[in-house]
Amino acid sequence: MDTLGLYAFGLPDVQYHFRGLDPNAVVSHAYNVAYYQFEYDAPIESGHTVDGIDPAVQWTCRYESALIQPAREVLDIAPGEYAAGNRE
């Protein structure tokens, strides 16, 4: 899942690949992170963490290539134990 649209403003979109989470909760999380990135000119850097859906759990962020088109750099958020796929 990704936000697909922030790149039009010169900002990275937010991407998640996950399993076992409510997609609606992930959409809400993505909206909040995307809004923060937009409002504060993309302050999240690779290696930073953000609160997960459960604020007591931190999710790691890093920049990587988007999994879907268009090709672009995205901020990938790894949702801890719910992460799916490989991250290099």
PDB file of N, CA and C in Angstrom:
ATOM      1  N   MET A   1       0.860  -1.160   0.000  1.00  0.00           N
ATOM      2  CA  MET A   1       0.000   0.000   0.000  1.00  0.00           C
ATOM      3  C   MET A   1       0.907   1.224   0.000  1.00  0.00           C
ATOM      4  N   ASP A   2       0.567   2.229  -0.794  1.00  0.00           N
ATOM      5  CA  ASP A   2       1.282   3.498  -0.679  1.00  0.00           C
ATOM      6  C   ASP A   2       0.360   4.669  -0.977  1.00  0.00           C
ATOM      7  N   THR A   3       0.834   5.865  -0.615  1.00  0.00           N
ATOM      8  CA  THR A   3      -0.007   7.048  -0.696  1.00  0.00           C
ATOM      9  C   THR A   3      -0.158   7.585  -2.109  1.00  0.00           C
ATOM     10  N   LEU A   4       0.772   7.336  -3.011  1.00  0.00           N
ATOM     11  CA  LEU A   4       0.726   7.756  -4.409  1.00  0.00           C
ATOM     12  C   LEU A   4       0.155   9.164  -4.607  1.00  0.00           C
ATOM     13  N   GLY A   5       1.007  10.146  -4.536  1.00  0.00           N
ATOM     14  CA  GLY A   5       0.570  11.511  -4.781  1.00  0.00           C
ATOM     15  C   GLY A   5       1.496  12.575  -4.235  1.00  0.00           C
ATOM     16  N   LEU A   6       2.178  12.279  -3.143  1.00  0.00           N
ATOM     17  CA  LEU A   6       3.088  13.281  -2.580  1.00  0.00           C
ATOM     18  C   LEU A   6       4.236  13.594  -3.531  1.00  0.00           C
ATOM     19  N   TYR A   7       4.616  12.614  -4.369  1.00  0.00           N
ATOM     20  CA  TYR A   7       5.724  12.853  -5.281  1.00  0.00           C
ATOM     21  C   TYR A   7       5.419  14.000  -6.232  1.00  0.00           C
ATOM     22  N   ALA A   8       4.142  14.278  -6.500  1.00  0.00           N
ATOM     23  CA  ALA A   8       3.757  15.405  -7.355  1.00  0.00           C
ATOM     24  C   ALA A   8       4.147  16.742  -6.723  1.00  0.00           C
ATOM     25  N   PHE A   9       4.348  16.744  -5.412  1.00  0.00           N
ATOM     26  CA  PHE A   9       4.775  17.943  -4.688  1.00  0.00           C
ATOM     27  C   PHE A   9       6.266  17.912  -4.383  1.00  0.00           C
ATOM     28  N   GLY A  10       6.965  16.938  -4.953  1.00  0.00           N
ATOM     29  CA  GLY A  10       8.399  16.815  -4.711  1.00  0.00           C
ATOM     30  C   GLY A  10       8.730  16.146  -3.390  1.00  0.00           C
ATOM     31  N   LEU A  11       7.770  15.444  -2.814  1.00  0.00           N
ATOM     32  CA  LEU A  11       7.965  14.758  -1.536  1.00  0.00           C
ATOM     33  C   LEU A  11       7.820  13.247  -1.735  1.00  0.00           C
ATOM     34  N   PRO A  12       8.429  12.459  -0.861  1.00  0.00           N
ATOM     35  CA  PRO A  12       8.300  11.007  -0.997  1.00  0.00           C
ATOM     36  C   PRO A  12       6.928  10.520  -0.531  1.00  0.00           C
ATOM     37  N   ASP A  13       6.376   9.585  -1.283  1.00  0.00           N
ATOM     38  CA  ASP A  13       5.165   8.916  -0.824  1.00  0.00           C
ATOM     39  C   ASP A  13       5.523   7.988   0.324  1.00  0.00           C
ATOM     40  N   VAL A  14       4.506   7.499   1.011  1.00  0.00           N
ATOM     41  CA  VAL A  14       4.684   6.598   2.147  1.00  0.00           C
ATOM     42  C   VAL A  14       4.209   5.217   1.706  1.00  0.00           C
ATOM     43  N   GLN A  15       5.008   4.192   1.966  1.00  0.00           N
ATOM     44  CA  GLN A  15       4.714   2.832   1.515  1.00  0.00           C
ATOM     45  C   GLN A  15       4.744   1.849   2.686  1.00  0.00           C
ATOM     46  N   TYR A  16       3.860   0.874   2.612  1.00  0.00           N
ATOM     47  CA  TYR A  16       3.808  -0.212   3.605  1.00  0.00           C
ATOM     48  C   TYR A  16       3.665  -1.528   2.847  1.00  0.00           C
ATOM     49  N   HIS A  17       4.375  -2.564   3.250  1.00  0.00           N
ATOM     50  CA  HIS A  17       4.010  -3.921   2.837  1.00  0.00           C
ATOM     51  C   HIS A  17       3.874  -4.707   4.125  1.00  0.00           C
ATOM     52  N   PHE A  18       2.682  -5.271   4.288  1.00  0.00           N
ATOM     53  CA  PHE A  18       2.300  -5.834   5.583  1.00  0.00           C
ATOM     54  C   PHE A  18       1.361  -7.018   5.416  1.00  0.00           C
ATOM     55  N   ARG A  19       1.186  -7.722   6.522  1.00  0.00           N
ATOM     56  CA  ARG A  19       0.211  -8.810   6.607  1.00  0.00           C
ATOM     57  C   ARG A  19      -0.348  -8.807   8.029  1.00  0.00           C
ATOM     58  N   GLY A  20      -1.582  -9.214   8.167  1.00  0.00           N
ATOM     59  CA  GLY A  20      -2.169  -9.365   9.490  1.00  0.00           C
ATOM     60  C   GLY A  20      -2.624  -8.090  10.171  1.00  0.00           C
ATOM     61  N   LEU A  21      -2.687  -6.995   9.435  1.00  0.00           N
ATOM     62  CA  LEU A  21      -3.197  -5.738   9.994  1.00  0.00           C
ATOM     63  C   LEU A  21      -4.484  -5.347   9.275  1.00  0.00           C
ATOM     64  N   ASP A  22      -5.342  -4.635   9.963  1.00  0.00           N
ATOM     65  CA  ASP A  22      -6.554  -4.111   9.351  1.00  0.00           C
ATOM     66  C   ASP A  22      -6.153  -3.061   8.315  1.00  0.00           C
ATOM     67  N   PRO A  23      -6.457  -3.256   7.038  1.00  0.00           N
ATOM     68  CA  PRO A  23      -6.080  -2.282   6.014  1.00  0.00           C
ATOM     69  C   PRO A  23      -6.593  -0.871   6.295  1.00  0.00           C
ATOM     70  N   ASN A  24      -7.769  -0.757   6.901  1.00  0.00           N
ATOM     71  CA  ASN A  24      -8.301   0.571   7.223  1.00  0.00           C
ATOM     72  C   ASN A  24      -7.429   1.282   8.255  1.00  0.00           C
ATOM     73  N   ALA A  25      -6.897   0.539   9.204  1.00  0.00           N
ATOM     74  CA  ALA A  25      -6.002   1.135  10.199  1.00  0.00           C
ATOM     75  C   ALA A  25      -4.691   1.571   9.547  1.00  0.00           C
ATOM     76  N   VAL A  26      -4.209   0.792   8.579  1.00  0.00           N
ATOM     77  CA  VAL A  26      -2.981   1.164   7.873  1.00  0.00           C
ATOM     78  C   VAL A  26      -3.221   2.407   7.015  1.00  0.00           C
ATOM     79  N   VAL A  27      -4.366   2.489   6.366  1.00  0.00           N
ATOM     80  CA  VAL A  27      -4.698   3.687   5.577  1.00  0.00           C
ATOM     81  C   VAL A  27      -4.705   4.923   6.471  1.00  0.00           C
ATOM     82  N   SER A  28      -5.308   4.806   7.626  1.00  0.00           N
ATOM     83  CA  SER A  28      -5.344   5.931   8.560  1.00  0.00           C
ATOM     84  C   SER A  28      -3.926   6.320   8.996  1.00  0.00           C
ATOM     85  N   HIS A  29      -3.109   5.323   9.278  1.00  0.00           N
ATOM     86  CA  HIS A  29      -1.720   5.580   9.673  1.00  0.00           C
ATOM     87  C   HIS A  29      -0.976   6.266   8.531  1.00  0.00           C
ATOM     88  N   ALA A  30      -1.147   5.754   7.317  1.00  0.00           N
ATOM     89  CA  ALA A  30      -0.477   6.335   6.143  1.00  0.00           C
ATOM     90  C   ALA A  30      -0.903   7.783   5.943  1.00  0.00           C
ATOM     91  N   TYR A  31      -2.186   8.067   6.104  1.00  0.00           N
ATOM     92  CA  TYR A  31      -2.680   9.437   5.964  1.00  0.00           C
ATOM     93  C   TYR A  31      -1.986  10.352   6.971  1.00  0.00           C
ATOM     94  N   ASN A  32      -1.885   9.916   8.212  1.00  0.00           N
ATOM     95  CA  ASN A  32      -1.269  10.739   9.250  1.00  0.00           C
ATOM     96  C   ASN A  32       0.221  10.977   8.972  1.00  0.00           C
ATOM     97  N   VAL A  33       0.939   9.937   8.556  1.00  0.00           N
ATOM     98  CA  VAL A  33       2.360  10.097   8.249  1.00  0.00           C
ATOM     99  C   VAL A  33       2.530  10.985   7.023  1.00  0.00           C
ATOM    100  N   ALA A  34       1.709  10.789   5.995  1.00  0.00           N
ATOM    101  CA  ALA A  34       1.792  11.613   4.783  1.00  0.00           C
ATOM    102  C   ALA A  34       1.509  13.075   5.106  1.00  0.00           C
ATOM    103  N   TYR A  35       0.506  13.319   5.925  1.00  0.00           N
ATOM    104  CA  TYR A  35       0.190  14.697   6.318  1.00  0.00           C
ATOM    105  C   TYR A  35       1.381  15.330   7.036  1.00  0.00           C
ATOM    106  N   TYR A  36       1.980  14.597   7.954  1.00  0.00           N
ATOM    107  CA  TYR A  36       3.152  15.088   8.692  1.00  0.00           C
ATOM    108  C   TYR A  36       4.295  15.383   7.732  1.00  0.00           C
ATOM    109  N   GLN A  37       4.563  14.476   6.808  1.00  0.00           N
ATOM    110  CA  GLN A  37       5.622  14.681   5.823  1.00  0.00           C
ATOM    111  C   GLN A  37       5.350  15.941   4.991  1.00  0.00           C
ATOM    112  N   PHE A  38       4.107  16.120   4.566  1.00  0.00           N
ATOM    113  CA  PHE A  38       3.729  17.286   3.765  1.00  0.00           C
ATOM    114  C   PHE A  38       3.841  18.571   4.574  1.00  0.00           C
ATOM    115  N   GLU A  39       3.290  18.563   5.754  1.00  0.00           N
ATOM    116  CA  GLU A  39       3.245  19.778   6.593  1.00  0.00           C
ATOM    117  C   GLU A  39       4.634  20.257   7.001  1.00  0.00           C
ATOM    118  N   TYR A  40       5.549  19.332   7.252  1.00  0.00           N
ATOM    119  CA  TYR A  40       6.869  19.704   7.782  1.00  0.00           C
ATOM    120  C   TYR A  40       8.015  19.443   6.810  1.00  0.00           C
ATOM    121  N   ASP A  41       7.719  19.345   5.508  1.00  0.00           N
ATOM    122  CA  ASP A  41       8.716  19.203   4.447  1.00  0.00           C
ATOM    123  C   ASP A  41       9.586  17.958   4.620  1.00  0.00           C
ATOM    124  N   ALA A  42       8.924  16.835   4.823  1.00  0.00           N
ATOM    125  CA  ALA A  42       9.566  15.512   4.864  1.00  0.00           C
ATOM    126  C   ALA A  42      10.721  15.409   5.855  1.00  0.00           C
ATOM    127  N   PRO A  43      10.444  15.596   7.153  1.00  0.00           N
ATOM    128  CA  PRO A  43      11.523  15.528   8.146  1.00  0.00           C
ATOM    129  C   PRO A  43      11.962  14.111   8.532  1.00  0.00           C
ATOM    130  N   ILE A  44      11.168  13.096   8.185  1.00  0.00           N
ATOM    131  CA  ILE A  44      11.509  11.726   8.575  1.00  0.00           C
ATOM    132  C   ILE A  44      12.634  11.221   7.685  1.00  0.00           C
ATOM    133  N   GLU A  45      13.696  10.723   8.309  1.00  0.00           N
ATOM    134  CA  GLU A  45      14.852  10.217   7.576  1.00  0.00           C
ATOM    135  C   GLU A  45      14.957   8.705   7.744  1.00  0.00           C
ATOM    136  N   SER A  46      15.739   8.081   6.848  1.00  0.00           N
ATOM    137  CA  SER A  46      15.988   6.644   6.976  1.00  0.00           C
ATOM    138  C   SER A  46      16.560   6.360   8.353  1.00  0.00           C
ATOM    139  N   GLY A  47      16.031   5.324   8.983  1.00  0.00           N
ATOM    140  CA  GLY A  47      16.472   4.942  10.319  1.00  0.00           C
ATOM    141  C   GLY A  47      15.631   5.525  11.429  1.00  0.00           C
ATOM    142  N   HIS A  48      14.849   6.552  11.126  1.00  0.00           N
ATOM    143  CA  HIS A  48      13.945   7.100  12.136  1.00  0.00           C
ATOM    144  C   HIS A  48      12.827   6.094  12.395  1.00  0.00           C
ATOM    145  N   THR A  49      12.149   6.277  13.495  1.00  0.00           N
ATOM    146  CA  THR A  49      10.984   5.461  13.806  1.00  0.00           C
ATOM    147  C   THR A  49       9.770   6.367  13.971  1.00  0.00           C
ATOM    148  N   VAL A  50       8.608   5.774  13.782  1.00  0.00           N
ATOM    149  CA  VAL A  50       7.339   6.468  14.022  1.00  0.00           C
ATOM    150  C   VAL A  50       6.490   5.554  14.902  1.00  0.00           C
ATOM    151  N   ASP A  51       5.543   6.136  15.605  1.00  0.00           N
ATOM    152  CA  ASP A  51       4.593   5.326  16.357  1.00  0.00           C
ATOM    153  C   ASP A  51       3.843   4.429  15.390  1.00  0.00           C
ATOM    154  N   GLY A  52       3.648   3.183  15.773  1.00  0.00           N
ATOM    155  CA  GLY A  52       2.838   2.276  14.977  1.00  0.00           C
ATOM    156  C   GLY A  52       1.369   2.536  15.236  1.00  0.00           C
ATOM    157  N   ILE A  53       0.528   1.659  14.755  1.00  0.00           N
ATOM    158  CA  ILE A  53      -0.909   1.779  15.034  1.00  0.00           C
ATOM    159  C   ILE A  53      -1.118   1.760  16.547  1.00  0.00           C
ATOM    160  N   ASP A  54      -0.361   0.928  17.220  1.00  0.00           N
ATOM    161  CA  ASP A  54      -0.280   0.958  18.685  1.00  0.00           C
ATOM    162  C   ASP A  54       0.891   1.882  19.005  1.00  0.00           C
ATOM    163  N   PRO A  55       0.648   3.062  19.564  1.00  0.00           N
ATOM    164  CA  PRO A  55       1.724   4.026  19.804  1.00  0.00           C
ATOM    165  C   PRO A  55       2.849   3.515  20.707  1.00  0.00           C
ATOM    166  N   ALA A  56       2.618   2.424  21.408  1.00  0.00           N
ATOM    167  CA  ALA A  56       3.656   1.864  22.266  1.00  0.00           C
ATOM    168  C   ALA A  56       4.698   1.089  21.451  1.00  0.00           C
ATOM    169  N   VAL A  57       4.404   0.844  20.175  1.00  0.00           N
ATOM    170  CA  VAL A  57       5.302   0.093  19.298  1.00  0.00           C
ATOM    171  C   VAL A  57       5.828   1.026  18.216  1.00  0.00           C
ATOM    172  N   GLN A  58       7.140   1.056  18.053  1.00  0.00           N
ATOM    173  CA  GLN A  58       7.761   1.909  17.046  1.00  0.00           C
ATOM    174  C   GLN A  58       7.995   1.126  15.760  1.00  0.00           C
ATOM    175  N   TRP A  59       7.717   1.754  14.619  1.00  0.00           N
ATOM    176  CA  TRP A  59       7.954   1.171  13.308  1.00  0.00           C
ATOM    177  C   TRP A  59       9.112   1.912  12.649  1.00  0.00           C
ATOM    178  N   THR A  60      10.005   1.174  12.029  1.00  0.00           N
ATOM    179  CA  THR A  60      11.202   1.738  11.413  1.00  0.00           C
ATOM    180  C   THR A  60      10.908   2.232  10.000  1.00  0.00           C
ATOM    181  N   CYS A  61      11.517   3.358   9.651  1.00  0.00           N
ATOM    182  CA  CYS A  61      11.335   3.979   8.345  1.00  0.00           C
ATOM    183  C   CYS A  61      12.649   3.970   7.568  1.00  0.00           C
ATOM    184  N   ARG A  62      12.531   3.853   6.250  1.00  0.00           N
ATOM    185  CA  ARG A  62      13.706   4.004   5.402  1.00  0.00           C
ATOM    186  C   ARG A  62      13.257   4.293   3.980  1.00  0.00           C
ATOM    187  N   TYR A  63      14.122   4.942   3.252  1.00  0.00           N
ATOM    188  CA  TYR A  63      13.820   5.267   1.865  1.00  0.00           C
ATOM    189  C   TYR A  63      14.234   4.118   0.965  1.00  0.00           C
ATOM    190  N   GLU A  64      13.351   3.791   0.019  1.00  0.00           N
ATOM    191  CA  GLU A  64      13.633   2.739  -0.950  1.00  0.00           C
ATOM    192  C   GLU A  64      12.785   2.993  -2.188  1.00  0.00           C
ATOM    193  N   SER A  65      12.977   2.180  -3.207  1.00  0.00           N
ATOM    194  CA  SER A  65      12.192   2.298  -4.445  1.00  0.00           C
ATOM    195  C   SER A  65      10.773   1.787  -4.204  1.00  0.00           C
ATOM    196  N   ALA A  66       9.832   2.442  -4.850  1.00  0.00           N
ATOM    197  CA  ALA A  66       8.433   2.039  -4.730  1.00  0.00           C
ATOM    198  C   ALA A  66       8.222   0.638  -5.286  1.00  0.00           C
ATOM    199  N   LEU A  67       7.311  -0.097  -4.674  1.00  0.00           N
ATOM    200  CA  LEU A  67       6.961  -1.439  -5.146  1.00  0.00           C
ATOM    201  C   LEU A  67       6.012  -1.390  -6.337  1.00  0.00           C
ATOM    202  N   ILE A  68       5.284  -0.277  -6.492  1.00  0.00           N
ATOM    203  CA  ILE A  68       4.338  -0.131  -7.599  1.00  0.00           C
ATOM    204  C   ILE A  68       4.710   1.094  -8.423  1.00  0.00           C
ATOM    205  N   GLN A  69       4.178   1.161  -9.625  1.00  0.00           N
ATOM    206  CA  GLN A  69       4.417   2.299 -10.513  1.00  0.00           C
ATOM    207  C   GLN A  69       3.658   3.514 -10.011  1.00  0.00           C
ATOM    208  N   PRO A  70       4.109   4.695 -10.296  1.00  0.00           N
ATOM    209  CA  PRO A  70       5.305   5.026 -11.053  1.00  0.00           C
ATOM    210  C   PRO A  70       6.565   4.797 -10.220  1.00  0.00           C
ATOM    211  N   ALA A  71       7.678   4.597 -10.916  1.00  0.00           N
ATOM    212  CA  ALA A  71       8.960   4.414 -10.228  1.00  0.00           C
ATOM    213  C   ALA A  71       9.308   5.713  -9.502  1.00  0.00           C
ATOM    214  N   ARG A  72       9.613   5.597  -8.224  1.00  0.00           N
ATOM    215  CA  ARG A  72       9.962   6.764  -7.418  1.00  0.00           C
ATOM    216  C   ARG A  72      10.497   6.288  -6.086  1.00  0.00           C
ATOM    217  N   GLU A  73      11.133   7.206  -5.366  1.00  0.00           N
ATOM    218  CA  GLU A  73      11.601   6.893  -4.021  1.00  0.00           C
ATOM    219  C   GLU A  73      10.442   7.115  -3.058  1.00  0.00           C
ATOM    220  N   VAL A  74      10.292   6.199  -2.110  1.00  0.00           N
ATOM    221  CA  VAL A  74       9.232   6.294  -1.110  1.00  0.00           C
ATOM    222  C   VAL A  74       9.820   6.099   0.285  1.00  0.00           C
ATOM    223  N   LEU A  75       9.088   6.564   1.263  1.00  0.00           N
ATOM    224  CA  LEU A  75       9.427   6.289   2.654  1.00  0.00           C
ATOM    225  C   LEU A  75       8.713   4.998   3.025  1.00  0.00           C
ATOM    226  N   ASP A  76       9.472   3.920   3.159  1.00  0.00           N
ATOM    227  CA  ASP A  76       8.910   2.625   3.511  1.00  0.00           C
ATOM    228  C   ASP A  76       8.835   2.519   5.025  1.00  0.00           C
ATOM    229  N   ILE A  77       7.662   2.163   5.521  1.00  0.00           N
ATOM    230  CA  ILE A  77       7.473   1.990   6.954  1.00  0.00           C
ATOM    231  C   ILE A  77       7.294   0.502   7.220  1.00  0.00           C
ATOM    232  N   ALA A  78       8.209  -0.064   7.985  1.00  0.00           N
ATOM    233  CA  ALA A  78       8.186  -1.490   8.307  1.00  0.00           C
ATOM    234  C   ALA A  78       7.389  -1.694   9.585  1.00  0.00           C
ATOM    235  N   PRO A  79       6.209  -2.306   9.481  1.00  0.00           N
ATOM    236  CA  PRO A  79       5.338  -2.450  10.642  1.00  0.00           C
ATOM    237  C   PRO A  79       5.696  -3.623  11.561  1.00  0.00           C
ATOM    238  N   GLY A  80       6.949  -3.674  11.960  1.00  0.00           N
ATOM    239  CA  GLY A  80       7.379  -4.659  12.950  1.00  0.00           C
ATOM    240  C   GLY A  80       7.007  -6.076  12.590  1.00  0.00           C
ATOM    241  N   GLU A  81       6.359  -6.764  13.515  1.00  0.00           N
ATOM    242  CA  GLU A  81       6.006  -8.171  13.322  1.00  0.00           C
ATOM    243  C   GLU A  81       5.009  -8.382  12.186  1.00  0.00           C
ATOM    244  N   TYR A  82       4.389  -7.316  11.682  1.00  0.00           N
ATOM    245  CA  TYR A  82       3.417  -7.428  10.603  1.00  0.00           C
ATOM    246  C   TYR A  82       4.018  -7.166   9.229  1.00  0.00           C
ATOM    247  N   ALA A  83       5.316  -6.934   9.178  1.00  0.00           N
ATOM    248  CA  ALA A  83       5.990  -6.654   7.913  1.00  0.00           C
ATOM    249  C   ALA A  83       5.918  -7.853   6.990  1.00  0.00           C
ATOM    250  N   ALA A  84       5.745  -7.579   5.713  1.00  0.00           N
ATOM    251  CA  ALA A  84       5.724  -8.638   4.695  1.00  0.00           C
ATOM    252  C   ALA A  84       6.812  -8.334   3.679  1.00  0.00           C
ATOM    253  N   GLY A  85       7.321  -9.363   3.058  1.00  0.00           N
ATOM    254  CA  GLY A  85       8.338  -9.187   2.021  1.00  0.00           C
ATOM    255  C   GLY A  85       9.713  -8.959   2.607  1.00  0.00           C
ATOM    256  N   ASN A  86      10.669  -8.859   1.710  1.00  0.00           N
ATOM    257  CA  ASN A  86      12.056  -8.653   2.109  1.00  0.00           C
ATOM    258  C   ASN A  86      12.442  -7.189   1.990  1.00  0.00           C
ATOM    259  N   ARG A  87      13.209  -6.733   2.922  1.00  0.00           N
ATOM    260  CA  ARG A  87      13.767  -5.382   2.873  1.00  0.00           C
ATOM    261  C   ARG A  87      15.276  -5.536   2.889  1.00  0.00           C
ATOM    262  N   GLU A  88      15.928  -4.905   1.912  1.00  0.00           N
ATOM    263  CA  GLU A  88      17.407  -5.040   1.813  1.00  0.00           C
ATOM    264  C   GLU A  88      18.100  -3.932   2.558  1.00  0.00           C
TER     265      GLU A  88
END
